[in-house]
Amino acid sequence: MPNSEGFGRELAAAARDMQDEGSSSEAMERAVEIATRILSGCDAAGVCVVYRGDRVDTHATSHEALREIDALQHRLKEGPCLEALRQKDIVKSDDLATDERWPKWGPEVAALGFSSIVSYRLFSTEETLGALNLYGKGTAAFTSDDVHDGVALAAHVAVALAGAHEVENLEKALGSRTVIGQATGILMERLDLSSDRAFGVLSKISQDKNLKLRDLAEQLVATRGNRKAPVLERPRPQKAPAPRPPS
């Protein structure tokens, strides 16, 4: 698997390629190809839109079996996309054949050759859900780094999907992801932290200051030129109390 720096360069190049595509459809097709190339656990990827009580449209796929897999979710009324529609941004399974959440859908997908999945909600409205689905042939195919890196790719796919669907508040949601990513990068550089640690610090500061994560991130980005901004300071060690003079 590429290291985080290498992945960042590949994703940046991929994002430029996607922006150069002539249509939203072409950009999404490019995105699913990118997923299988730069995410080590990913053997197939697809973008779909689920319409509640109506149908599932597969907008892009790197493997034709995924069209059948998407249709199965709708027919059997279970699967990670429907789970995401209800409540979750990211749904993951390490063994679809035995996952109790989807007793019908999971074994059928495993029989088609895929044992693992990570599904990212790209947007949701009252009636529809857009999702990026990544599949692995082996069990536990996706590491925590794969899942984390997939979030960045999902943000770019959401932009492409927005070209085909008008989604209320999508621009605002993507703006939140972007500014939080920028703030995380500032903390990584200023405090010499990994991306996970930097995001953890950002979250803790948000809780301690009782600020929404997006609002805190905007403050960080706005003061990025000020290295003495209080929120960027390392915690100062407590001074030991001066020894008392002998009585």
Protein backbone atom coordinates (compact mmCIF):
# COMPACT_ATOMS: atom_id res chain seq x y z
CA MET A 1 0.00 0.00 0.00
CA PRO A 2 1.36 3.48 -0.77
CA ASN A 3 2.39 5.62 2.21
CA SER A 4 0.24 8.61 3.13
CA GLU A 5 2.46 11.05 1.22
CA GLY A 6 2.40 8.86 -1.88
CA PHE A 7 -1.35 8.40 -1.63
CA GLY A 8 -1.82 12.15 -1.30
CA ARG A 9 0.12 12.77 -4.51
CA GLU A 10 -1.84 10.09 -6.37
CA LEU A 11 -5.18 11.41 -5.12
CA ALA A 12 -4.26 14.98 -6.10
CA ALA A 13 -3.35 13.79 -9.60
CA ALA A 14 -6.53 11.72 -9.77
CA ALA A 15 -8.63 14.71 -8.72
CA ARG A 16 -7.10 16.78 -11.52
CA ASP A 17 -7.87 13.99 -14.00
CA MET A 18 -11.47 13.84 -12.80
CA GLN A 19 -11.86 17.61 -13.20
CA ASP A 20 -10.61 17.31 -16.77
CA GLU A 21 -13.25 14.73 -17.72
CA GLY A 22 -15.86 15.93 -20.20
CA SER A 23 -18.93 14.88 -18.19
CA SER A 24 -20.05 13.80 -14.73
CA SER A 25 -20.47 10.25 -16.01
CA GLU A 26 -16.90 10.12 -17.29
CA ALA A 27 -15.59 11.57 -14.02
CA MET A 28 -17.38 8.91 -11.97
CA GLU A 29 -16.09 6.14 -14.24
CA ARG A 30 -12.60 7.56 -13.74
CA ALA A 31 -13.13 7.63 -9.96
CA VAL A 32 -14.03 3.95 -9.64
CA GLU A 33 -10.99 3.03 -11.73
CA ILE A 34 -8.83 5.16 -9.43
CA ALA A 35 -10.24 3.44 -6.33
CA THR A 36 -9.16 0.00 -7.54
CA ARG A 37 -5.71 1.30 -8.40
CA ILE A 38 -4.70 3.30 -5.31
CA LEU A 39 -6.62 1.61 -2.47
CA SER A 40 -4.85 -1.65 -1.71
CA GLY A 41 -7.90 -3.58 -0.48
CA CYS A 42 -10.21 -2.53 -3.31
CA ASP A 43 -10.88 -5.02 -6.12
CA ALA A 44 -14.05 -3.36 -7.46
CA ALA A 45 -15.82 -0.03 -6.99
CA GLY A 46 -19.13 1.49 -7.98
CA VAL A 47 -21.24 4.62 -7.60
CA CYS A 48 -24.98 4.22 -7.20
CA VAL A 49 -28.08 6.21 -6.33
CA VAL A 50 -30.82 4.52 -4.31
CA TYR A 51 -34.37 5.83 -4.74
CA ARG A 52 -36.51 4.94 -1.75
CA GLY A 53 -39.28 2.53 -2.73
CA ASP A 54 -38.46 2.77 -6.44
CA ARG A 55 -35.13 1.66 -7.90
CA VAL A 56 -31.32 1.66 -7.75
CA ASP A 57 -29.31 3.34 -10.53
CA THR A 58 -25.67 2.30 -10.97
CA HIS A 59 -23.89 5.36 -12.37
CA ALA A 60 -20.38 3.92 -12.63
CA THR A 61 -18.71 0.59 -11.96
CA SER A 62 -15.36 -1.09 -12.44
CA HIS A 63 -16.98 -4.58 -12.51
CA GLU A 64 -20.27 -5.56 -14.14
CA ALA A 65 -21.21 -7.81 -11.19
CA LEU A 66 -21.73 -4.64 -9.12
CA ARG A 67 -24.84 -3.76 -11.13
CA GLU A 68 -26.39 -7.03 -10.02
CA ILE A 69 -25.17 -6.46 -6.45
CA ASP A 70 -26.79 -2.99 -6.38
CA ALA A 71 -30.05 -4.38 -7.73
CA LEU A 72 -29.99 -7.11 -5.07
CA GLN A 73 -29.96 -4.50 -2.30
CA HIS A 74 -33.14 -3.01 -3.65
CA ARG A 75 -34.85 -6.35 -4.29
CA LEU A 76 -33.94 -7.88 -0.93
CA LYS A 77 -34.48 -4.60 0.98
CA GLU A 78 -31.15 -4.91 2.80
CA GLY A 79 -27.52 -3.94 2.34
CA PRO A 80 -24.98 -1.23 3.23
CA CYS A 81 -26.52 1.46 1.01
CA LEU A 82 -29.86 1.09 2.76
CA GLU A 83 -28.01 1.15 6.09
CA ALA A 84 -26.33 4.42 5.07
CA LEU A 85 -29.67 5.83 3.95
CA ARG A 86 -30.99 5.37 7.46
CA GLN A 87 -28.17 6.74 9.57
CA LYS A 88 -24.51 6.13 8.77
CA ASP A 89 -21.94 7.98 6.65
CA ILE A 90 -19.64 4.95 6.38
CA VAL A 91 -20.70 1.30 6.53
CA LYS A 92 -18.05 -1.45 6.62
CA SER A 93 -18.12 -5.23 6.66
CA ASP A 94 -15.14 -7.59 6.86
CA ASP A 95 -17.09 -10.76 6.00
CA LEU A 96 -20.27 -10.43 3.97
CA ALA A 97 -20.96 -14.15 4.04
CA THR A 98 -21.53 -14.08 7.80
CA ASP A 99 -22.58 -10.48 8.49
CA GLU A 100 -25.79 -10.67 10.53
CA ARG A 101 -26.97 -7.25 9.31
CA TRP A 102 -27.62 -8.61 5.81
CA PRO A 103 -28.46 -12.34 6.07
CA LYS A 104 -29.83 -12.52 2.51
CA TRP A 105 -27.79 -9.97 0.60
CA GLY A 106 -24.37 -10.70 2.14
CA PRO A 107 -24.10 -14.41 1.18
CA GLU A 108 -25.26 -13.67 -2.38
CA VAL A 109 -22.51 -11.04 -2.76
CA ALA A 110 -19.95 -13.45 -1.31
CA ALA A 111 -21.07 -16.06 -3.86
CA LEU A 112 -20.26 -13.51 -6.58
CA GLY A 113 -16.69 -13.30 -5.28
CA PHE A 114 -16.63 -10.31 -2.91
CA SER A 115 -16.21 -10.75 0.83
CA SER A 116 -15.59 -7.19 2.12
CA ILE A 117 -17.18 -3.79 1.57
CA VAL A 118 -16.84 -0.16 2.58
CA SER A 119 -19.78 2.04 1.58
CA TYR A 120 -19.54 5.86 1.75
CA ARG A 121 -22.66 8.00 1.77
CA LEU A 122 -22.09 10.80 -0.73
CA PHE A 123 -25.38 12.58 -0.05
CA SER A 124 -28.85 11.77 1.18
CA THR A 125 -32.22 13.42 0.86
CA GLU A 126 -35.61 12.28 2.06
CA GLU A 127 -36.02 10.16 -1.05
CA THR A 128 -32.54 9.36 -2.41
CA LEU A 129 -29.05 8.28 -1.39
CA GLY A 130 -25.81 8.52 -3.35
CA ALA A 131 -23.09 6.06 -2.35
CA LEU A 132 -19.56 5.03 -3.29
CA ASN A 133 -19.14 1.29 -2.70
CA LEU A 134 -15.73 -0.37 -2.50
CA TYR A 135 -15.50 -4.18 -2.59
CA GLY A 136 -12.64 -6.53 -1.71
CA LYS A 137 -12.36 -10.19 -2.66
CA GLY A 138 -10.77 -11.27 0.62
CA THR A 139 -12.21 -11.05 4.13
CA ALA A 140 -11.07 -8.00 6.14
CA ALA A 141 -9.68 -6.56 2.91
CA PHE A 142 -9.81 -2.91 4.00
CA THR A 143 -7.40 -1.53 6.59
CA SER A 144 -8.19 1.53 8.69
CA ASP A 145 -5.89 3.50 6.35
CA ASP A 146 -7.90 2.32 3.32
CA VAL A 147 -11.14 3.47 4.98
CA HIS A 148 -9.61 6.83 5.91
CA ASP A 149 -8.18 7.41 2.42
CA GLY A 150 -11.51 6.45 0.86
CA VAL A 151 -13.13 9.43 2.58
CA ALA A 152 -11.00 11.79 0.49
CA LEU A 153 -11.87 9.96 -2.71
CA ALA A 154 -15.57 9.98 -1.78
CA ALA A 155 -15.50 13.78 -1.52
CA HIS A 156 -14.30 14.03 -5.13
CA VAL A 157 -16.88 11.48 -6.30
CA ALA A 158 -19.60 13.52 -4.61
CA VAL A 159 -18.61 16.54 -6.70
CA ALA A 160 -18.91 14.48 -9.87
CA LEU A 161 -22.25 13.03 -8.79
CA ALA A 162 -23.55 16.52 -8.07
CA GLY A 163 -23.14 17.25 -11.77
CA ALA A 164 -25.78 14.63 -12.49
CA HIS A 165 -28.10 15.27 -9.51
CA GLU A 166 -29.17 18.48 -7.85
CA VAL A 167 -28.56 17.83 -4.17
CA GLU A 168 -29.65 20.35 -1.57
CA ASN A 169 -26.83 21.53 0.70
CA LEU A 170 -24.22 19.33 -1.05
CA GLU A 171 -21.95 22.31 -1.66
CA LYS A 172 -22.12 23.22 2.03
CA ALA A 173 -21.38 19.65 3.09
CA LEU A 174 -18.38 19.40 0.75
CA GLY A 175 -17.17 22.77 2.00
CA SER A 176 -17.18 21.39 5.54
CA ARG A 177 -15.06 18.40 4.47
CA THR A 178 -12.62 20.69 2.67
CA VAL A 179 -12.09 23.16 5.50
CA ILE A 180 -11.76 20.38 8.09
CA GLY A 181 -9.15 18.72 5.88
CA GLN A 182 -7.27 22.02 5.60
CA ALA A 183 -7.33 22.51 9.37
CA THR A 184 -6.11 18.95 9.92
CA GLY A 185 -3.23 19.64 7.54
CA ILE A 186 -2.30 22.78 9.49
CA LEU A 187 -2.11 20.82 12.73
CA MET A 188 -0.06 18.07 11.03
CA GLU A 189 2.49 20.63 9.86
CA ARG A 190 2.59 22.82 12.98
CA LEU A 191 2.64 20.04 15.58
CA ASP A 192 4.33 17.28 13.52
CA LEU A 193 1.38 14.88 13.88
CA SER A 194 -0.05 12.08 11.77
CA SER A 195 -3.39 12.79 10.06
CA ASP A 196 -5.30 10.64 12.57
CA ARG A 197 -3.65 12.33 15.56
CA ALA A 198 -4.21 15.78 14.08
CA PHE A 199 -7.90 15.05 13.51
CA GLY A 200 -8.12 13.75 17.09
CA VAL A 201 -6.59 16.98 18.41
CA LEU A 202 -9.00 19.03 16.32
CA SER A 203 -11.96 17.05 17.67
CA LYS A 204 -10.80 17.45 21.28
CA ILE A 205 -10.33 21.20 20.92
CA SER A 206 -13.81 21.37 19.40
CA GLN A 207 -15.26 19.59 22.42
CA ASP A 208 -13.23 21.58 24.96
CA LYS A 209 -14.24 24.90 23.40
CA ASN A 210 -17.82 23.78 22.72
CA LEU A 211 -17.45 24.76 19.05
CA LYS A 212 -18.73 22.95 15.99
CA LEU A 213 -15.90 21.20 14.18
CA ARG A 214 -16.47 23.21 11.00
CA ASP A 215 -16.44 26.53 12.92
CA LEU A 216 -13.18 25.63 14.66
CA ALA A 217 -11.65 24.50 11.37
CA GLU A 218 -12.59 27.81 9.74
CA GLN A 219 -10.89 29.69 12.59
CA LEU A 220 -7.74 27.62 12.15
CA VAL A 221 -7.64 28.19 8.41
CA ALA A 222 -8.30 31.91 8.85
CA THR A 223 -5.33 32.23 11.26
CA ARG A 224 -2.99 29.84 9.44
CA GLY A 225 -0.42 32.59 8.95
CA ASN A 226 -0.24 33.23 12.69
CA ARG A 227 1.93 30.59 14.33
CA LYS A 228 1.10 32.02 17.76
CA ALA A 229 -2.64 31.50 17.38
CA PRO A 230 -3.72 30.08 20.77
CA VAL A 231 -5.46 27.05 19.35
CA LEU A 232 -2.21 25.93 17.69
CA GLU A 233 -0.04 26.16 20.77
CA ARG A 234 1.26 22.98 22.33
CA PRO A 235 0.13 22.45 25.93
CA ARG A 236 2.66 24.04 28.23
CA PRO A 237 4.13 21.84 30.96
CA GLN A 238 3.06 22.73 34.44
CA LYS A 239 5.84 24.29 36.50
CA ALA A 240 6.69 22.46 39.68
CA PRO A 241 5.85 24.50 42.78
CA ALA A 242 8.81 26.22 44.42
CA PRO A 243 10.09 24.32 47.44
CA ARG A 244 9.04 25.77 50.75
CA PRO A 245 11.81 27.14 52.94
CA PRO A 246 12.58 25.01 55.96
CA SER A 247 10.64 26.14 59.03
